Amino acid sequence: MNIKLLLRIYAGLMALMILGGVFAPEAMMEGFGMTYTKEVAPIFHFAMMGQALFALLTFLLTTWMPEDLDKIAMTYTALALVPVLLNIYHVISGVLPLVGAFYVENGIWIVFASLFFMYRKK
């Protein structure tokens, strides 16, 4: 595996999450112990739009600068850890309950952060 493939997998995973947010937002939020309401919908849509833009940018980076991808590996290591830190903050502050989805999602982000860190020099 190389950094280019890793970035494309990362973008693909984000795309899957976006599809879940578009077609089953209630189920996604329920997995985290929250309720999808009409008041939450606009914020959720903006979050999905932001994630879609980030996924697109991540995917396009692989074609824009294929020879220099190792330069962004540490940035993506940090970016992959941001959701982990935010999730931990939400659980500690009592905004989100500690549910199975917390462990699964954080595990995925930690794996990606580790892979970006390992492939930064290749």
Protein backbone atom coordinates (compact mmCIF):
# COMPACT_ATOMS: atom_id res chain seq x y z
CA MET A 1 0.00 0.00 0.00
CA ASN A 2 1.19 3.54 -0.66
CA ILE A 3 0.05 6.98 0.45
CA LYS A 4 -1.92 7.54 -2.78
CA LEU A 5 -3.99 4.41 -2.23
CA LEU A 6 -4.43 5.26 1.45
CA LEU A 7 -5.76 8.73 0.58
CA ARG A 8 -8.21 7.23 -1.91
CA ILE A 9 -9.43 4.70 0.65
CA TYR A 10 -9.80 7.52 3.18
CA ALA A 11 -11.84 9.56 0.67
CA GLY A 12 -13.92 6.47 -0.15
CA LEU A 13 -14.71 5.87 3.51
CA MET A 14 -15.80 9.48 3.87
CA ALA A 15 -17.98 9.05 0.77
CA LEU A 16 -19.65 6.03 2.40
CA MET A 17 -20.35 8.07 5.51
CA ILE A 18 -21.80 10.83 3.35
CA LEU A 19 -24.11 8.33 1.64
CA GLY A 20 -25.23 7.14 5.07
CA GLY A 21 -25.88 10.73 6.09
CA VAL A 22 -27.87 11.42 2.94
CA PHE A 23 -29.95 8.24 2.84
CA ALA A 24 -30.19 7.23 6.51
CA PRO A 25 -29.43 10.17 8.80
CA GLU A 26 -31.82 8.89 11.46
CA ALA A 27 -29.99 5.55 11.65
CA MET A 28 -26.59 7.25 11.77
CA MET A 29 -27.58 9.52 14.61
CA GLU A 30 -29.42 6.75 16.46
CA GLY A 31 -26.18 4.74 16.49
CA PHE A 32 -24.66 7.53 18.57
CA GLY A 33 -27.64 7.80 20.89
CA MET A 34 -29.08 10.95 19.29
CA THR A 35 -32.38 11.78 17.62
CA TYR A 36 -32.64 13.26 14.14
CA THR A 37 -35.10 16.16 14.24
CA LYS A 38 -36.08 18.91 11.84
CA GLU A 39 -34.06 21.35 13.98
CA VAL A 40 -30.91 19.24 13.56
CA ALA A 41 -31.39 18.67 9.82
CA PRO A 42 -29.85 21.95 8.53
CA ILE A 43 -26.72 21.56 10.68
CA PHE A 44 -26.45 17.92 9.67
CA HIS A 45 -26.71 18.90 5.99
CA PHE A 46 -23.94 21.48 6.38
CA ALA A 47 -21.78 18.86 8.11
CA MET A 48 -22.37 16.43 5.24
CA MET A 49 -21.51 19.14 2.73
CA GLY A 50 -18.27 19.90 4.58
CA GLN A 51 -17.38 16.23 4.65
CA ALA A 52 -18.18 15.88 0.94
CA LEU A 53 -15.90 18.80 0.09
CA PHE A 54 -13.12 17.34 2.24
CA ALA A 55 -13.53 13.90 0.64
CA LEU A 56 -13.39 15.44 -2.83
CA LEU A 57 -10.30 17.47 -1.95
CA THR A 58 -8.62 14.39 -0.48
CA PHE A 59 -9.35 12.36 -3.60
CA LEU A 60 -8.21 15.11 -5.95
CA LEU A 61 -4.92 15.61 -4.08
CA THR A 62 -3.85 12.22 -5.39
CA THR A 63 -4.00 13.55 -8.95
CA TRP A 64 -2.88 17.12 -8.29
CA MET A 65 0.38 16.26 -6.57
CA PRO A 66 1.10 12.53 -6.93
CA GLU A 67 4.86 12.92 -6.42
CA ASP A 68 4.57 15.02 -3.25
CA LEU A 69 1.95 13.12 -1.26
CA ASP A 70 4.43 12.27 1.48
CA LYS A 71 4.47 15.99 2.33
CA ILE A 72 0.83 15.89 3.42
CA ALA A 73 0.97 12.63 5.38
CA MET A 74 1.59 14.31 8.75
CA THR A 75 -1.24 16.75 8.08
CA TYR A 76 -3.58 13.85 7.40
CA THR A 77 -2.32 12.08 10.52
CA ALA A 78 -3.47 15.09 12.54
CA LEU A 79 -6.71 15.45 10.55
CA ALA A 80 -7.60 11.81 11.21
CA LEU A 81 -7.16 12.38 14.95
CA VAL A 82 -9.45 15.42 15.14
CA PRO A 83 -12.68 13.33 15.17
CA VAL A 84 -11.21 11.16 17.93
CA LEU A 85 -10.48 14.19 20.09
CA LEU A 86 -13.90 15.66 19.40
CA ASN A 87 -15.65 12.38 20.21
CA ILE A 88 -13.71 12.06 23.48
CA TYR A 89 -14.63 15.65 24.39
CA HIS A 90 -18.31 14.96 23.66
CA VAL A 91 -18.34 11.86 25.84
CA ILE A 92 -16.47 13.54 28.71
CA SER A 93 -18.76 16.59 28.59
CA GLY A 94 -21.86 14.38 28.50
CA VAL A 95 -23.07 15.48 25.07
CA LEU A 96 -22.86 11.92 23.71
CA PRO A 97 -23.31 8.63 25.51
CA LEU A 98 -20.50 6.08 25.44
CA VAL A 99 -21.90 3.59 22.90
CA GLY A 100 -20.43 0.96 20.58
CA ALA A 101 -20.37 3.36 17.63
CA PHE A 102 -17.95 5.53 19.62
CA TYR A 103 -15.39 2.72 19.75
CA VAL A 104 -15.86 1.68 16.13
CA GLU A 105 -15.57 5.19 14.72
CA ASN A 106 -12.59 6.12 16.88
CA GLY A 107 -10.90 2.84 15.99
CA ILE A 108 -11.25 3.61 12.29
CA TRP A 109 -9.79 7.11 12.69
CA ILE A 110 -6.89 5.83 14.81
CA VAL A 111 -6.06 3.19 12.20
CA PHE A 112 -6.01 5.85 9.47
CA ALA A 113 -3.88 8.20 11.59
CA SER A 114 -1.43 5.37 12.24
CA LEU A 115 -1.27 4.43 8.56
CA PHE A 116 -0.72 8.03 7.48
CA PHE A 117 2.04 8.30 10.07
CA MET A 118 3.69 5.05 8.93
CA TYR A 119 3.53 5.92 5.22
CA ARG A 120 4.79 9.50 5.62
CA LYS A 121 8.33 8.58 4.55
CA LYS A 122 7.61 6.16 1.70
